[in-house]
Amino acid sequence: MSGFARNYDTTIRDLESRLSDLVDAGKDFDFQRKGDVLEIEFSDGERVVITPQSPLEQLWISADFAGHRFNLKDGDWLKEKNDQPLNDFLSRTFSTHLGQFIEL
């Protein structure tokens, strides 16, 4: 397994654990992993899809009618356009769709 694949897998496994904790706490969304793709669906019908792009060594997220690309820099996934950390991006997205502050 390449360094990129290992980092992506660790990131997704950690995220799955945190998502499971949120669902157990009564937050209203579903998620499932199909191979390397993690799909999250909110009760409002909106979806977030996280996929690896191995040739580019990027993590891509489809959310809020747009595509978002993240690069691994010094152990952190940062948004390509503005260096926003992945967890901050996901926290904002979840907070918007769940109508309350969510920290991932």
N, C-alpha and C. Protein backbone atom coordinates (compact mmCIF):
# COMPACT_ATOMS: atom_id res chain seq x y z
N MET A 1 0.85 -1.18 0.00
CA MET A 1 0.00 0.00 0.00
C MET A 1 0.89 1.24 0.00
N SER A 2 0.60 2.18 -0.89
CA SER A 2 1.40 3.40 -0.99
C SER A 2 1.18 4.29 0.23
N GLY A 3 2.07 5.25 0.39
CA GLY A 3 1.94 6.21 1.49
C GLY A 3 0.63 6.98 1.39
N PHE A 4 0.27 7.39 0.17
CA PHE A 4 -0.99 8.10 -0.02
C PHE A 4 -2.17 7.22 0.39
N ALA A 5 -2.21 5.99 -0.10
CA ALA A 5 -3.32 5.08 0.22
C ALA A 5 -3.41 4.83 1.72
N ARG A 6 -2.29 4.68 2.37
CA ARG A 6 -2.27 4.45 3.82
C ARG A 6 -2.82 5.67 4.57
N ASN A 7 -2.39 6.87 4.17
CA ASN A 7 -2.88 8.10 4.81
C ASN A 7 -4.37 8.29 4.57
N TYR A 8 -4.82 8.04 3.35
CA TYR A 8 -6.25 8.18 3.04
C TYR A 8 -7.06 7.18 3.87
N ASP A 9 -6.62 5.93 3.92
CA ASP A 9 -7.34 4.90 4.66
C ASP A 9 -7.42 5.25 6.15
N THR A 10 -6.33 5.70 6.72
CA THR A 10 -6.33 6.11 8.13
C THR A 10 -7.30 7.25 8.36
N THR A 11 -7.30 8.23 7.46
CA THR A 11 -8.20 9.37 7.57
C THR A 11 -9.66 8.93 7.52
N ILE A 12 -10.00 8.06 6.58
CA ILE A 12 -11.39 7.62 6.42
C ILE A 12 -11.82 6.75 7.59
N ARG A 13 -10.96 5.89 8.07
CA ARG A 13 -11.32 5.06 9.24
C ARG A 13 -11.57 5.93 10.48
N ASP A 14 -10.73 6.94 10.68
CA ASP A 14 -10.92 7.85 11.80
C ASP A 14 -12.23 8.62 11.64
N LEU A 15 -12.51 9.10 10.44
CA LEU A 15 -13.74 9.83 10.18
C LEU A 15 -14.96 8.93 10.40
N GLU A 16 -14.90 7.69 9.93
CA GLU A 16 -16.01 6.74 10.15
C GLU A 16 -16.29 6.57 11.64
N SER A 17 -15.26 6.49 12.45
CA SER A 17 -15.43 6.34 13.89
C SER A 17 -16.13 7.56 14.48
N ARG A 18 -15.72 8.75 14.08
CA ARG A 18 -16.34 9.98 14.59
C ARG A 18 -17.78 10.10 14.10
N LEU A 19 -18.04 9.70 12.85
CA LEU A 19 -19.41 9.73 12.33
C LEU A 19 -20.30 8.76 13.08
N SER A 20 -19.77 7.59 13.37
CA SER A 20 -20.53 6.59 14.14
C SER A 20 -20.89 7.14 15.52
N ASP A 21 -19.96 7.83 16.15
CA ASP A 21 -20.23 8.45 17.46
C ASP A 21 -21.36 9.47 17.35
N LEU A 22 -21.37 10.26 16.28
CA LEU A 22 -22.42 11.26 16.08
C LEU A 22 -23.78 10.60 15.87
N VAL A 23 -23.82 9.53 15.08
CA VAL A 23 -25.07 8.81 14.86
C VAL A 23 -25.56 8.21 16.17
N ASP A 24 -24.64 7.63 16.95
CA ASP A 24 -25.00 7.06 18.25
C ASP A 24 -25.54 8.13 19.20
N ALA A 25 -25.11 9.38 19.01
CA ALA A 25 -25.58 10.49 19.84
C ALA A 25 -26.90 11.08 19.33
N GLY A 26 -27.46 10.48 18.28
CA GLY A 26 -28.76 10.90 17.78
C GLY A 26 -28.76 11.89 16.64
N LYS A 27 -27.61 12.16 16.04
CA LYS A 27 -27.56 13.09 14.90
C LYS A 27 -28.18 12.39 13.69
N ASP A 28 -28.93 13.17 12.90
CA ASP A 28 -29.75 12.61 11.83
C ASP A 28 -29.05 12.63 10.47
N PHE A 29 -28.27 11.59 10.22
CA PHE A 29 -27.66 11.38 8.91
C PHE A 29 -27.24 9.92 8.83
N ASP A 30 -27.00 9.47 7.62
CA ASP A 30 -26.52 8.11 7.39
C ASP A 30 -25.20 8.18 6.64
N PHE A 31 -24.40 7.13 6.81
CA PHE A 31 -23.17 7.06 6.04
C PHE A 31 -22.84 5.60 5.77
N GLN A 32 -22.12 5.41 4.69
CA GLN A 32 -21.64 4.07 4.36
C GLN A 32 -20.38 4.19 3.52
N ARG A 33 -19.56 3.19 3.66
CA ARG A 33 -18.32 3.13 2.88
C ARG A 33 -18.45 2.00 1.88
N LYS A 34 -18.15 2.33 0.64
CA LYS A 34 -18.12 1.35 -0.45
C LYS A 34 -16.72 1.36 -1.01
N GLY A 35 -15.92 0.38 -0.62
CA GLY A 35 -14.52 0.37 -1.03
C GLY A 35 -13.80 1.55 -0.43
N ASP A 36 -13.26 2.41 -1.27
CA ASP A 36 -12.53 3.59 -0.80
C ASP A 36 -13.41 4.84 -0.74
N VAL A 37 -14.68 4.73 -1.12
CA VAL A 37 -15.58 5.88 -1.18
C VAL A 37 -16.47 5.92 0.05
N LEU A 38 -16.51 7.08 0.70
CA LEU A 38 -17.37 7.29 1.87
C LEU A 38 -18.50 8.22 1.45
N GLU A 39 -19.74 7.74 1.61
CA GLU A 39 -20.92 8.53 1.27
C GLU A 39 -21.69 8.87 2.53
N ILE A 40 -22.07 10.14 2.64
CA ILE A 40 -22.82 10.63 3.79
C ILE A 40 -24.09 11.27 3.23
N GLU A 41 -25.24 10.93 3.83
CA GLU A 41 -26.50 11.51 3.37
C GLU A 41 -27.24 12.09 4.56
N PHE A 42 -27.67 13.36 4.40
CA PHE A 42 -28.40 14.06 5.44
C PHE A 42 -29.90 13.92 5.21
N SER A 43 -30.68 14.20 6.24
CA SER A 43 -32.14 14.05 6.13
C SER A 43 -32.74 15.03 5.12
N ASP A 44 -32.04 16.11 4.80
CA ASP A 44 -32.54 17.06 3.80
C ASP A 44 -32.25 16.58 2.37
N GLY A 45 -31.66 15.39 2.25
CA GLY A 45 -31.38 14.81 0.93
C GLY A 45 -30.01 15.15 0.38
N GLU A 46 -29.32 16.09 1.01
CA GLU A 46 -27.99 16.46 0.55
C GLU A 46 -27.00 15.35 0.85
N ARG A 47 -26.02 15.22 -0.03
CA ARG A 47 -25.01 14.17 0.13
C ARG A 47 -23.61 14.76 0.09
N VAL A 48 -22.72 14.09 0.79
CA VAL A 48 -21.29 14.38 0.76
C VAL A 48 -20.62 13.08 0.35
N VAL A 49 -19.78 13.14 -0.66
CA VAL A 49 -19.08 11.96 -1.14
C VAL A 49 -17.58 12.25 -1.09
N ILE A 50 -16.85 11.38 -0.41
CA ILE A 50 -15.41 11.53 -0.25
C ILE A 50 -14.72 10.39 -1.00
N THR A 51 -13.82 10.76 -1.91
CA THR A 51 -13.13 9.76 -2.72
C THR A 51 -11.64 10.07 -2.79
N PRO A 52 -10.83 9.02 -2.92
CA PRO A 52 -9.40 9.25 -3.14
C PRO A 52 -9.14 9.44 -4.63
N GLN A 53 -8.19 10.26 -4.94
CA GLN A 53 -7.72 10.41 -6.32
C GLN A 53 -6.24 10.07 -6.30
N SER A 54 -5.97 8.77 -6.33
CA SER A 54 -4.61 8.27 -6.16
C SER A 54 -3.60 8.85 -7.15
N PRO A 55 -3.93 8.94 -8.45
CA PRO A 55 -2.92 9.47 -9.38
C PRO A 55 -2.48 10.89 -9.02
N LEU A 56 -3.39 11.68 -8.44
CA LEU A 56 -3.08 13.06 -8.08
C LEU A 56 -2.69 13.18 -6.60
N GLU A 57 -2.81 12.09 -5.87
CA GLU A 57 -2.58 12.06 -4.43
C GLU A 57 -3.40 13.13 -3.72
N GLN A 58 -4.70 13.15 -4.07
CA GLN A 58 -5.63 14.09 -3.47
C GLN A 58 -6.85 13.35 -2.91
N LEU A 59 -7.50 13.99 -1.97
CA LEU A 59 -8.78 13.56 -1.44
C LEU A 59 -9.80 14.53 -2.02
N TRP A 60 -10.84 13.99 -2.67
CA TRP A 60 -11.85 14.85 -3.28
C TRP A 60 -13.15 14.70 -2.52
N ILE A 61 -13.83 15.83 -2.34
CA ILE A 61 -15.13 15.83 -1.68
C ILE A 61 -16.14 16.52 -2.59
N SER A 62 -17.23 15.84 -2.83
CA SER A 62 -18.37 16.44 -3.51
C SER A 62 -19.36 16.83 -2.43
N ALA A 63 -19.63 18.14 -2.32
CA ALA A 63 -20.54 18.64 -1.28
C ALA A 63 -21.05 20.02 -1.69
N ASP A 64 -22.29 20.29 -1.33
CA ASP A 64 -22.87 21.61 -1.56
C ASP A 64 -22.75 22.04 -3.03
N PHE A 65 -23.03 21.10 -3.92
CA PHE A 65 -23.04 21.35 -5.36
C PHE A 65 -21.69 21.79 -5.92
N ALA A 66 -20.62 21.35 -5.27
CA ALA A 66 -19.28 21.71 -5.74
C ALA A 66 -18.29 20.60 -5.42
N GLY A 67 -17.17 20.64 -6.09
CA GLY A 67 -16.08 19.72 -5.81
C GLY A 67 -14.99 20.44 -5.02
N HIS A 68 -14.43 19.74 -4.07
CA HIS A 68 -13.41 20.31 -3.20
C HIS A 68 -12.22 19.34 -3.17
N ARG A 69 -11.04 19.86 -3.39
CA ARG A 69 -9.83 19.04 -3.45
C ARG A 69 -8.94 19.34 -2.26
N PHE A 70 -8.41 18.26 -1.67
CA PHE A 70 -7.54 18.39 -0.50
C PHE A 70 -6.22 17.70 -0.78
N ASN A 71 -5.14 18.36 -0.36
CA ASN A 71 -3.79 17.81 -0.48
C ASN A 71 -3.25 17.52 0.91
N LEU A 72 -2.45 16.48 1.03
CA LEU A 72 -1.82 16.14 2.30
C LEU A 72 -0.52 16.94 2.43
N LYS A 73 -0.47 17.80 3.47
CA LYS A 73 0.72 18.62 3.72
C LYS A 73 1.10 18.48 5.19
N ASP A 74 2.28 17.99 5.44
CA ASP A 74 2.78 17.84 6.80
C ASP A 74 1.80 17.09 7.70
N GLY A 75 1.18 16.05 7.15
CA GLY A 75 0.28 15.20 7.92
C GLY A 75 -1.15 15.68 8.02
N ASP A 76 -1.48 16.82 7.41
CA ASP A 76 -2.84 17.36 7.44
C ASP A 76 -3.40 17.46 6.03
N TRP A 77 -4.70 17.13 5.90
CA TRP A 77 -5.38 17.32 4.63
C TRP A 77 -5.85 18.77 4.58
N LEU A 78 -5.38 19.54 3.58
CA LEU A 78 -5.71 20.95 3.45
C LEU A 78 -6.36 21.21 2.09
N LYS A 79 -7.40 22.04 2.12
CA LYS A 79 -8.11 22.37 0.89
C LYS A 79 -7.17 23.08 -0.08
N GLU A 80 -7.21 22.64 -1.32
CA GLU A 80 -6.30 23.14 -2.34
C GLU A 80 -6.38 24.66 -2.52
N LYS A 81 -7.57 25.22 -2.46
CA LYS A 81 -7.74 26.65 -2.76
C LYS A 81 -7.36 27.58 -1.62
N ASN A 82 -7.55 27.14 -0.36
CA ASN A 82 -7.35 28.09 0.73
C ASN A 82 -6.69 27.48 1.98
N ASP A 83 -6.20 26.27 1.87
CA ASP A 83 -5.53 25.58 2.98
C ASP A 83 -6.42 25.34 4.20
N GLN A 84 -7.75 25.34 4.00
CA GLN A 84 -8.66 25.03 5.10
C GLN A 84 -8.49 23.56 5.47
N PRO A 85 -8.30 23.25 6.75
CA PRO A 85 -8.17 21.86 7.17
C PRO A 85 -9.44 21.06 6.89
N LEU A 86 -9.26 19.80 6.56
CA LEU A 86 -10.37 18.90 6.25
C LEU A 86 -11.41 18.89 7.38
N ASN A 87 -10.97 18.76 8.63
CA ASN A 87 -11.92 18.70 9.73
C ASN A 87 -12.73 19.98 9.86
N ASP A 88 -12.14 21.13 9.61
CA ASP A 88 -12.88 22.39 9.64
C ASP A 88 -13.92 22.43 8.53
N PHE A 89 -13.54 21.99 7.35
CA PHE A 89 -14.47 21.95 6.22
C PHE A 89 -15.65 21.04 6.54
N LEU A 90 -15.36 19.84 7.03
CA LEU A 90 -16.43 18.90 7.34
C LEU A 90 -17.29 19.39 8.51
N SER A 91 -16.69 20.00 9.51
CA SER A 91 -17.46 20.54 10.64
C SER A 91 -18.45 21.59 10.15
N ARG A 92 -18.02 22.48 9.27
CA ARG A 92 -18.91 23.50 8.72
C ARG A 92 -20.04 22.86 7.92
N THR A 93 -19.69 21.88 7.10
CA THR A 93 -20.69 21.20 6.27
C THR A 93 -21.73 20.50 7.15
N PHE A 94 -21.27 19.76 8.14
CA PHE A 94 -22.20 19.06 9.03
C PHE A 94 -23.05 20.04 9.84
N SER A 95 -22.45 21.11 10.32
CA SER A 95 -23.18 22.11 11.10
C SER A 95 -24.31 22.72 10.26
N THR A 96 -24.02 23.01 9.01
CA THR A 96 -25.01 23.58 8.10
C THR A 96 -26.18 22.62 7.91
N HIS A 97 -25.90 21.37 7.63
CA HIS A 97 -26.96 20.42 7.31
C HIS A 97 -27.71 19.90 8.53
N LEU A 98 -27.08 19.92 9.69
CA LEU A 98 -27.74 19.44 10.90
C LEU A 98 -28.34 20.56 11.73
N GLY A 99 -28.06 21.81 11.35
CA GLY A 99 -28.66 22.95 12.02
C GLY A 99 -28.13 23.20 13.43
N GLN A 100 -26.96 22.71 13.72
CA GLN A 100 -26.33 22.95 15.02
C GLN A 100 -24.83 22.77 14.85
N PHE A 101 -24.06 23.36 15.77
CA PHE A 101 -22.62 23.26 15.66
C PHE A 101 -22.15 21.81 15.86
N ILE A 102 -21.38 21.33 14.92
CA ILE A 102 -20.79 19.99 14.97
C ILE A 102 -19.30 20.16 14.77
N GLU A 103 -18.52 19.56 15.65
CA GLU A 103 -17.07 19.61 15.50
C GLU A 103 -16.56 18.21 15.20
N LEU A 104 -15.86 18.09 14.10
CA LEU A 104 -15.29 16.79 13.72
C LEU A 104 -13.79 16.81 13.91
